[in-house]
């Protein structure tokens, strides 16, 4: 469905009328009622860190406890649980990341999956060509990604090639082109920058990495479920994403890993656990990796942690990722407009790309007192999050956020900024 352009508001009353019209015209408005807490006055601006729980998940948890865990007990492993990492992984592939079946699996935490796949890619590349000892990463990538790269480089005798980026933007083609070369083993990039919301050109940056003979790992944590992703079409090598943000998997829900078919047999992941073995129950004297995505598992799958995301994946399939992206753009554009009307006169700036084509699902607002502003907002049931230097992130989850809620929150931000001076 195509959304028509919205004329800019010119005053506070116009913002009210605009929010009401946008909500009335929103084809996804009905999804909001499917989330716990949507009926309250709390303003939730942190869906890009932890999504609201779907109401259907509460029923799913109860059924699982009573019928599957409580009723079937250990038989559940044979009946469905052993395959759940792959069936849900394939559903993430279909609905959220543009991946054909057999390439996506639910596994460990984001950090563990990133470690396994960056390390596997580095070892593979270095084994093919001993000159390839560099991991390329930008200095404003998410801390876990950077910390892991530092650890893997030290562990494997590699080097890091850092890309310096504007914290209000992200990695661009010219910067990557200057960083990669015959010594590059792996490039580690984020599709949506965690701080600024910058939306990277995955297809172009992947092609530049391949032209240099490197593999590239994409961190999809801030894009999966909010921004269209086409792993297969963009020739992505490997990717990792979390499920507790736009996929609403719940606190600490397990992450997913994508490995393109063409790489699966060649990559040897370093944490050799029994679930990644060719015959899980043979329990033989030596480890032999499984064929396909099972080889990237290590320990027992976190079944309970996989339950909640299934309900959101169903909603994404129902709504369509393109329509979700259209609403995401409309929400962030509305937040930018409200910022210019309500917050700019108070000295608040926008530390995110201004063009929606280069911005993911959140907007970062800058002011020297934003840490104190965030504290005050939390006390008033307005929940953004804070990121140095002086950044307040407005995370707008398209399925659960309304335009009226967004406007209420922006007005509370203006009130808090005025108070702190």
Protein backbone atom coordinates (compact mmCIF):
# COMPACT_ATOMS: atom_id res chain seq x y z
CA UNK A 1 0.00 0.00 0.00
CA UNK A 2 1.41 3.39 -0.99
CA UNK A 3 1.31 6.13 1.61
CA UNK A 4 0.75 9.66 0.42
CA UNK A 5 3.10 12.43 1.46
CA UNK A 6 2.01 14.33 4.56
CA UNK A 7 2.06 18.13 4.47
CA UNK A 8 4.21 19.61 7.21
CA UNK A 9 2.62 20.85 10.40
CA UNK A 10 3.04 24.51 11.24
CA UNK A 11 2.11 24.57 14.93
CA UNK A 12 1.21 22.47 17.98
CA UNK A 13 -2.47 22.16 17.01
CA UNK A 14 -1.45 21.07 13.54
CA UNK A 15 0.67 18.30 15.07
CA UNK A 16 -2.41 17.01 16.87
CA UNK A 17 -4.46 17.02 13.69
CA UNK A 18 -1.65 15.43 11.76
CA UNK A 19 -1.17 12.64 14.32
CA UNK A 20 -4.91 11.94 14.33
CA UNK A 21 -5.03 11.79 10.54
CA UNK A 22 -1.97 9.56 10.29
CA UNK A 23 -3.45 7.14 12.84
CA UNK A 24 -6.80 7.14 11.04
CA UNK A 25 -5.13 6.37 7.70
CA UNK A 26 -2.68 3.81 9.09
CA UNK A 27 -3.38 0.32 7.65
CA UNK A 28 -1.32 -1.22 10.48
CA UNK A 29 -3.12 0.61 13.31
CA UNK A 30 -5.03 -2.52 14.36
CA UNK A 31 -1.83 -4.37 15.22
CA UNK A 32 -1.19 -2.05 18.18
CA UNK A 33 -4.00 -3.63 20.20
CA UNK A 34 -2.27 -7.01 19.95
CA UNK A 35 0.50 -5.89 22.34
CA UNK A 36 0.48 -5.90 26.13
CA UNK A 37 0.44 -2.38 27.55
CA UNK A 38 -0.80 -0.62 24.43
CA UNK A 39 -3.96 0.42 26.27
CA UNK A 40 -2.01 2.36 28.92
CA UNK A 41 -0.74 5.93 28.83
CA UNK A 42 2.90 4.81 28.96
CA UNK A 43 4.89 6.06 25.96
CA UNK A 44 7.32 3.44 24.72
CA UNK A 45 10.23 4.79 22.68
CA UNK A 46 12.53 1.80 23.16
CA UNK A 47 11.18 -0.87 20.82
CA UNK A 48 14.59 -0.90 19.14
CA UNK A 49 16.05 -2.27 22.40
CA UNK A 50 13.24 -4.47 23.75
CA UNK A 51 9.91 -4.90 22.02
CA UNK A 52 6.54 -5.04 23.76
CA UNK A 53 5.18 -8.57 24.34
CA UNK A 54 2.37 -9.74 22.02
CA UNK A 55 -0.81 -10.70 23.88
CA UNK A 56 -0.89 -13.99 21.98
CA UNK A 57 2.44 -14.89 23.54
CA UNK A 58 0.94 -15.00 27.03
CA UNK A 59 -1.43 -17.72 25.80
CA UNK A 60 1.40 -19.49 23.98
CA UNK A 61 3.52 -19.61 27.14
CA UNK A 62 0.62 -21.06 29.12
CA UNK A 63 -0.11 -23.73 26.47
CA UNK A 64 3.54 -24.65 26.30
CA UNK A 65 3.80 -25.06 30.06
CA UNK A 66 0.64 -27.09 30.37
CA UNK A 67 0.63 -29.14 27.17
CA UNK A 68 4.15 -29.44 25.76
CA UNK A 69 6.53 -29.19 28.71
CA UNK A 70 4.02 -30.34 31.30
CA UNK A 71 2.23 -32.90 29.14
CA UNK A 72 4.79 -34.28 26.75
CA UNK A 73 7.91 -33.76 28.91
CA UNK A 74 11.09 -35.10 27.29
CA UNK A 75 9.06 -36.48 24.37
CA UNK A 76 8.85 -32.87 23.18
CA UNK A 77 12.39 -33.09 21.85
CA UNK A 78 11.50 -35.86 19.41
CA UNK A 79 8.13 -34.37 18.54
CA UNK A 80 9.16 -30.81 17.65
CA UNK A 81 11.78 -29.13 19.80
CA UNK A 82 14.85 -30.50 18.02
CA UNK A 83 13.72 -28.90 14.77
CA UNK A 84 12.43 -25.66 16.24
CA UNK A 85 15.70 -23.72 15.72
CA UNK A 86 15.42 -24.49 12.01
CA UNK A 87 11.68 -24.04 11.50
CA UNK A 88 11.69 -20.67 13.26
CA UNK A 89 14.96 -19.79 11.54
CA UNK A 90 13.37 -20.44 8.16
CA UNK A 91 10.40 -18.29 9.16
CA UNK A 92 12.76 -15.42 10.01
CA UNK A 93 14.37 -16.01 6.63
CA UNK A 94 11.03 -15.79 4.80
CA UNK A 95 9.46 -12.89 6.67
CA UNK A 96 12.31 -10.67 7.82
CA UNK A 97 15.66 -11.18 6.08
CA UNK A 98 15.01 -12.39 2.53
CA UNK A 99 16.59 -15.82 2.89
CA UNK A 100 15.56 -19.11 1.29
CA UNK A 101 15.13 -22.08 3.61
CA UNK A 102 18.09 -23.93 5.09
CA UNK A 103 20.22 -20.84 5.76
CA UNK A 104 18.92 -19.38 9.04
CA UNK A 105 18.92 -20.90 12.52
CA UNK A 106 18.09 -19.80 16.05
CA UNK A 107 21.07 -20.39 18.29
CA UNK A 108 22.91 -18.71 21.14
CA UNK A 109 23.08 -15.09 22.24
CA UNK A 110 23.98 -12.44 19.69
CA UNK A 111 27.49 -12.18 21.13
CA UNK A 112 28.16 -15.92 20.91
CA UNK A 113 26.85 -16.21 17.35
CA UNK A 114 28.88 -13.19 16.27
CA UNK A 115 31.98 -14.73 17.79
CA UNK A 116 31.43 -18.09 16.12
CA UNK A 117 30.81 -16.66 12.66
CA UNK A 118 33.44 -13.90 12.63
CA UNK A 119 36.01 -16.40 13.86
CA UNK A 120 34.89 -19.05 11.34
CA UNK A 121 35.05 -16.56 8.48
CA UNK A 122 38.47 -15.27 9.54
CA UNK A 123 39.92 -18.78 9.84
CA UNK A 124 38.53 -19.80 6.47
CA UNK A 125 39.86 -16.73 4.67
CA UNK A 126 43.27 -16.90 6.33
CA UNK A 127 43.49 -20.61 5.51
CA UNK A 128 42.89 -19.89 1.82
CA UNK A 129 45.36 -17.00 1.75
CA UNK A 130 47.75 -16.42 4.67
CA UNK A 131 48.07 -12.76 3.69
CA UNK A 132 44.47 -12.16 4.77
CA UNK A 133 44.90 -11.17 8.40
CA UNK A 134 42.77 -8.03 8.69
CA UNK A 135 39.27 -7.58 10.07
CA UNK A 136 37.64 -4.34 8.96
CA UNK A 137 35.18 -2.69 11.34
CA UNK A 138 34.06 0.88 12.05
CA UNK A 139 34.81 2.57 15.34
CA UNK A 140 31.13 3.33 15.95
CA UNK A 141 29.86 -0.21 15.45
CA UNK A 142 28.00 -1.70 18.38
CA UNK A 143 30.41 -2.31 21.30
CA UNK A 144 29.97 -6.11 21.29
CA UNK A 145 30.96 -6.26 17.62
CA UNK A 146 34.07 -4.19 18.23
CA UNK A 147 35.07 -6.02 21.38
CA UNK A 148 34.70 -9.38 19.66
CA UNK A 149 36.77 -8.25 16.69
CA UNK A 150 39.54 -7.11 19.05
CA UNK A 151 39.47 -10.45 20.86
CA UNK A 152 39.41 -12.57 17.71
CA UNK A 153 42.25 -10.58 16.12
CA UNK A 154 44.37 -11.11 19.24
CA UNK A 155 43.41 -14.77 19.48
CA UNK A 156 44.13 -15.58 15.82
CA UNK A 157 47.12 -13.32 15.16
CA UNK A 158 45.12 -10.89 13.07
CA UNK A 159 44.94 -7.13 12.74
CA UNK A 160 42.12 -4.63 12.81
CA UNK A 161 41.57 -2.03 10.11
CA UNK A 162 39.41 0.67 11.69
CA UNK A 163 37.04 2.91 9.76
CA UNK A 164 36.40 6.31 11.35
CA UNK A 165 32.80 7.42 10.88
CA UNK A 166 30.59 10.32 11.84
CA UNK A 167 28.57 9.21 14.90
CA UNK A 168 25.52 10.88 13.35
CA UNK A 169 25.93 8.78 10.22
CA UNK A 170 27.60 5.46 9.30
CA UNK A 171 29.89 3.62 6.88
CA UNK A 172 29.74 4.82 3.28
CA UNK A 173 31.08 3.19 0.13
CA UNK A 174 34.16 5.42 -0.25
CA UNK A 175 35.22 4.69 3.32
CA UNK A 176 34.93 0.94 2.89
CA UNK A 177 36.64 1.01 -0.50
CA UNK A 178 39.63 2.71 1.10
CA UNK A 179 39.79 0.15 3.92
CA UNK A 180 39.61 -3.21 2.11
CA UNK A 181 42.32 -4.89 0.08
CA UNK A 182 44.36 -8.07 -0.40
CA UNK A 183 44.96 -8.39 3.35
CA UNK A 184 41.27 -8.20 4.29
CA UNK A 185 39.79 -11.41 5.63
CA UNK A 186 36.43 -10.26 7.02
CA UNK A 187 34.40 -7.07 7.07
CA UNK A 188 32.01 -6.56 10.01
CA UNK A 189 29.25 -3.99 9.50
CA UNK A 190 25.84 -3.10 10.92
CA UNK A 191 22.86 -2.66 8.62
CA UNK A 192 21.39 0.03 10.91
CA UNK A 193 23.84 1.92 13.11
CA UNK A 194 22.85 1.51 16.75
CA UNK A 195 23.61 5.13 17.66
CA UNK A 196 22.48 7.22 14.69
CA UNK A 197 20.06 4.90 12.91
CA UNK A 198 22.08 5.23 9.68
CA UNK A 199 20.87 2.68 7.13
CA UNK A 200 23.79 1.13 5.26
CA UNK A 201 23.70 0.22 1.59
CA UNK A 202 24.15 -3.51 2.13
CA UNK A 203 24.24 -4.49 -1.51
CA UNK A 204 26.94 -1.97 -2.46
CA UNK A 205 29.11 -2.54 0.61
CA UNK A 206 28.85 -6.31 0.20
CA UNK A 207 29.93 -6.04 -3.41
CA UNK A 208 32.92 -3.87 -2.47
CA UNK A 209 33.96 -6.43 0.14
CA UNK A 210 33.69 -9.25 -2.39
CA UNK A 211 35.64 -7.26 -4.98
CA UNK A 212 38.48 -7.18 -2.44
CA UNK A 213 38.21 -10.95 -1.90
CA UNK A 214 36.78 -10.59 1.61
CA UNK A 215 33.77 -12.09 3.34
CA UNK A 216 31.35 -9.73 5.07
CA UNK A 217 29.26 -10.27 8.18
CA UNK A 218 26.20 -8.09 8.62
CA UNK A 219 24.78 -7.31 12.05
CA UNK A 220 21.00 -7.14 11.53
CA UNK A 221 20.05 -6.42 15.15
CA UNK A 222 18.52 -3.01 14.45
CA UNK A 223 16.95 -3.87 11.10
CA UNK A 224 15.36 -7.35 11.19
CA UNK A 225 11.62 -6.87 11.46
CA UNK A 226 11.69 -3.13 10.77
CA UNK A 227 13.65 -2.62 7.56
CA UNK A 228 13.47 -4.87 4.47
CA UNK A 229 16.51 -7.15 4.25
CA UNK A 230 17.40 -9.28 1.21
CA UNK A 231 20.26 -11.52 2.29
CA UNK A 232 20.05 -13.80 -0.75
CA UNK A 233 19.52 -11.08 -3.35
CA UNK A 234 22.28 -8.90 -1.89
CA UNK A 235 24.73 -11.84 -1.84
CA UNK A 236 25.29 -11.52 1.92
CA UNK A 237 27.78 -14.11 3.19
CA UNK A 238 26.86 -14.33 6.87
CA UNK A 239 24.64 -12.37 9.23
CA UNK A 240 23.57 -12.33 12.85
CA UNK A 241 20.59 -10.62 14.44
CA UNK A 242 18.86 -10.47 17.79
CA UNK A 243 15.18 -11.27 18.32
CA UNK A 244 14.21 -9.15 21.32
CA UNK A 245 13.94 -5.85 19.45
CA UNK A 246 11.55 -5.69 16.49
CA UNK A 247 10.85 -9.44 16.65
CA UNK A 248 9.55 -9.13 20.24
CA UNK A 249 11.18 -12.34 21.45
CA UNK A 250 11.44 -11.13 25.05
CA UNK A 251 14.38 -10.27 27.34
CA UNK A 252 17.44 -12.29 26.39
CA UNK A 253 15.70 -14.25 23.64
CA UNK A 254 18.20 -16.13 21.46
CA UNK A 255 19.70 -14.66 18.31
CA UNK A 256 19.59 -15.95 14.75
CA UNK A 257 22.40 -16.72 12.34
CA UNK A 258 22.33 -16.68 8.54
CA UNK A 259 24.98 -18.47 6.50
CA UNK A 260 24.57 -18.56 2.73
CA UNK A 261 24.35 -22.06 1.27
CA UNK A 262 27.57 -21.50 -0.66
CA UNK A 263 29.59 -21.09 2.57
CA UNK A 264 28.09 -23.64 4.93
CA UNK A 265 30.33 -26.59 4.14
CA UNK A 266 33.52 -24.48 4.26
CA UNK A 267 33.03 -22.68 7.58
CA UNK A 268 34.09 -24.47 10.76
CA UNK A 269 32.59 -22.81 13.81
CA UNK A 270 34.87 -22.88 16.86
CA UNK A 271 32.50 -23.92 19.67
CA UNK A 272 32.08 -27.62 18.99
CA UNK A 273 29.12 -28.77 21.04
CA UNK A 274 26.97 -31.85 20.78
CA UNK A 275 24.07 -30.13 18.99
CA UNK A 276 26.31 -29.28 16.06
CA UNK A 277 27.46 -32.85 15.53
CA UNK A 278 26.53 -34.92 12.52
CA UNK A 279 24.74 -37.47 14.72
CA UNK A 280 23.58 -35.68 17.84
CA UNK A 281 22.80 -38.82 19.81
CA UNK A 282 25.72 -40.98 18.67
CA UNK A 283 27.86 -39.31 21.33
CA UNK A 284 30.95 -40.78 19.75
CA UNK A 285 34.59 -40.26 20.67
CA UNK A 286 35.23 -37.50 18.10
CA UNK A 287 33.34 -34.48 16.82
CA UNK A 288 32.13 -34.53 13.23
CA UNK A 289 30.20 -31.40 12.16
CA UNK A 290 26.68 -31.75 10.80
CA UNK A 291 25.76 -30.81 7.25
CA UNK A 292 23.95 -27.52 6.82
CA UNK A 293 22.96 -25.02 9.49
CA UNK A 294 23.03 -27.54 12.31
CA UNK A 295 26.83 -27.30 12.29
CA UNK A 296 26.54 -23.77 13.67
CA UNK A 297 24.72 -24.89 16.81
CA UNK A 298 26.65 -25.74 19.96
CA UNK A 299 24.55 -26.48 23.03
CA UNK A 300 20.96 -27.41 23.77
CA UNK A 301 18.55 -25.03 21.98
CA UNK A 302 16.79 -22.48 24.24
CA UNK A 303 13.26 -23.64 23.47
CA UNK A 304 11.41 -21.43 25.95
CA UNK A 305 13.27 -18.40 24.60
CA UNK A 306 12.05 -19.14 21.07
CA UNK A 307 8.34 -19.07 21.86
CA UNK A 308 7.49 -15.37 21.85
CA UNK A 309 9.07 -14.41 18.54
CA UNK A 310 6.74 -16.76 16.66
CA UNK A 311 3.77 -14.46 17.28
CA UNK A 312 5.55 -11.40 15.94
CA UNK A 313 6.81 -13.32 12.91
CA UNK A 314 3.19 -14.17 12.18
CA UNK A 315 2.27 -10.49 12.38
CA UNK A 316 5.16 -9.50 10.11
CA UNK A 317 4.02 -12.06 7.55
CA UNK A 318 0.46 -10.75 7.82
CA UNK A 319 1.38 -7.07 7.56
CA UNK A 320 4.24 -7.42 5.06
CA UNK A 321 7.71 -6.04 5.64
CA UNK A 322 7.30 -3.35 2.97
CA UNK A 323 4.20 -1.96 4.70
CA UNK A 324 6.03 -2.12 8.03
CA UNK A 325 8.89 -0.14 6.53
CA UNK A 326 6.45 2.42 5.12
CA UNK A 327 5.01 3.00 8.59
CA UNK A 328 8.48 3.11 10.11
CA UNK A 329 9.40 5.91 7.72
CA UNK A 330 6.14 7.74 8.48
CA UNK A 331 6.76 7.47 12.24
CA UNK A 332 10.35 8.69 12.09
CA UNK A 333 9.41 11.52 9.71
CA UNK A 334 6.68 12.55 12.14
CA UNK A 335 9.19 12.45 15.01
CA UNK A 336 11.58 14.64 13.01
CA UNK A 337 8.79 17.12 12.28
CA UNK A 338 7.77 17.21 15.94
CA UNK A 339 11.42 17.77 16.87
CA UNK A 340 11.68 20.76 14.60
CA UNK A 341 8.45 22.24 15.98
CA UNK A 342 8.79 21.45 19.68
CA UNK A 343 12.45 20.74 20.43
CA UNK A 344 14.66 22.70 18.05
CA UNK A 345 13.75 26.01 19.78
CA UNK A 346 15.10 24.42 22.98
CA UNK A 347 18.47 23.66 21.40
CA UNK A 348 17.81 20.00 20.53
CA UNK A 349 19.41 18.70 17.35
CA UNK A 350 18.97 15.55 15.28
CA UNK A 351 21.95 13.17 15.28
CA UNK A 352 20.52 10.87 12.62
CA UNK A 353 20.40 11.02 8.82
CA UNK A 354 17.68 13.43 7.70
CA UNK A 355 16.75 11.44 4.62
CA UNK A 356 14.45 8.48 5.45
CA UNK A 357 16.15 6.52 2.68
CA UNK A 358 19.31 6.56 4.81
CA UNK A 359 17.66 6.06 8.20
CA UNK A 360 16.41 2.94 9.95
CA UNK A 361 13.68 2.74 12.59
CA UNK A 362 14.99 5.15 15.20
CA UNK A 363 15.92 8.81 15.50
CA UNK A 364 18.58 10.16 17.88
CA UNK A 365 18.08 13.58 19.43
CA UNK A 366 21.12 15.48 20.73
CA UNK A 367 21.41 17.86 23.67
CA UNK A 368 24.10 18.18 26.38
CA UNK A 369 21.59 17.32 29.14
CA UNK A 370 19.96 14.29 27.52
CA UNK A 371 21.13 11.90 30.25
CA UNK A 372 19.18 13.89 32.83
CA UNK A 373 16.26 14.26 30.41
CA UNK A 374 16.10 10.49 29.98
CA UNK A 375 16.06 9.96 33.76
CA UNK A 376 13.14 12.37 34.17
CA UNK A 377 11.22 10.79 31.29
CA UNK A 378 11.51 7.30 32.76
CA UNK A 379 10.01 8.60 36.01
CA UNK A 380 7.03 9.85 33.96
CA UNK A 381 6.46 6.59 32.05
CA UNK A 382 8.05 7.89 28.84
CA UNK A 383 10.71 5.36 27.92
CA UNK A 384 13.45 6.27 25.42
CA UNK A 385 17.08 5.34 25.96
CA UNK A 386 20.29 7.30 26.21
CA UNK A 387 23.52 6.94 24.23
CA UNK A 388 26.65 9.04 24.58
CA UNK A 389 27.47 11.68 23.55
CA UNK A 390 24.25 13.42 24.62
CA UNK A 391 21.94 11.28 22.52
CA UNK A 392 18.34 10.32 23.32
CA UNK A 393 17.07 7.56 21.01
CA UNK A 394 13.46 7.49 19.84
CA UNK A 395 12.86 3.85 18.83
CA UNK A 396 9.54 3.51 17.01
CA UNK A 397 8.36 -0.06 16.52
CA UNK A 398 5.87 0.09 13.61
CA UNK A 399 3.48 -2.65 14.73
CA UNK A 400 3.02 -1.38 18.29
CA UNK A 401 3.50 2.40 18.08
CA UNK A 402 0.88 4.99 17.16
CA UNK A 403 1.39 8.55 15.97
CA UNK A 404 -0.60 9.89 18.95
CA UNK A 405 1.71 8.02 21.33
CA UNK A 406 4.70 9.46 19.49
CA UNK A 407 3.39 13.01 19.81
CA UNK A 408 2.65 12.55 23.52
CA UNK A 409 6.23 11.41 24.03
CA UNK A 410 7.75 14.24 22.04
CA UNK A 411 5.85 16.78 24.13
CA UNK A 412 7.14 15.17 27.32
CA UNK A 413 10.69 15.35 25.94
CA UNK A 414 10.20 19.06 25.28
CA UNK A 415 8.92 19.54 28.83
CA UNK A 416 11.91 17.71 30.33
CA UNK A 417 14.45 19.58 28.17
CA UNK A 418 12.91 22.91 29.21
CA UNK A 419 13.20 21.87 32.86
CA UNK A 420 16.88 20.94 32.72
CA UNK A 421 17.76 24.06 30.70
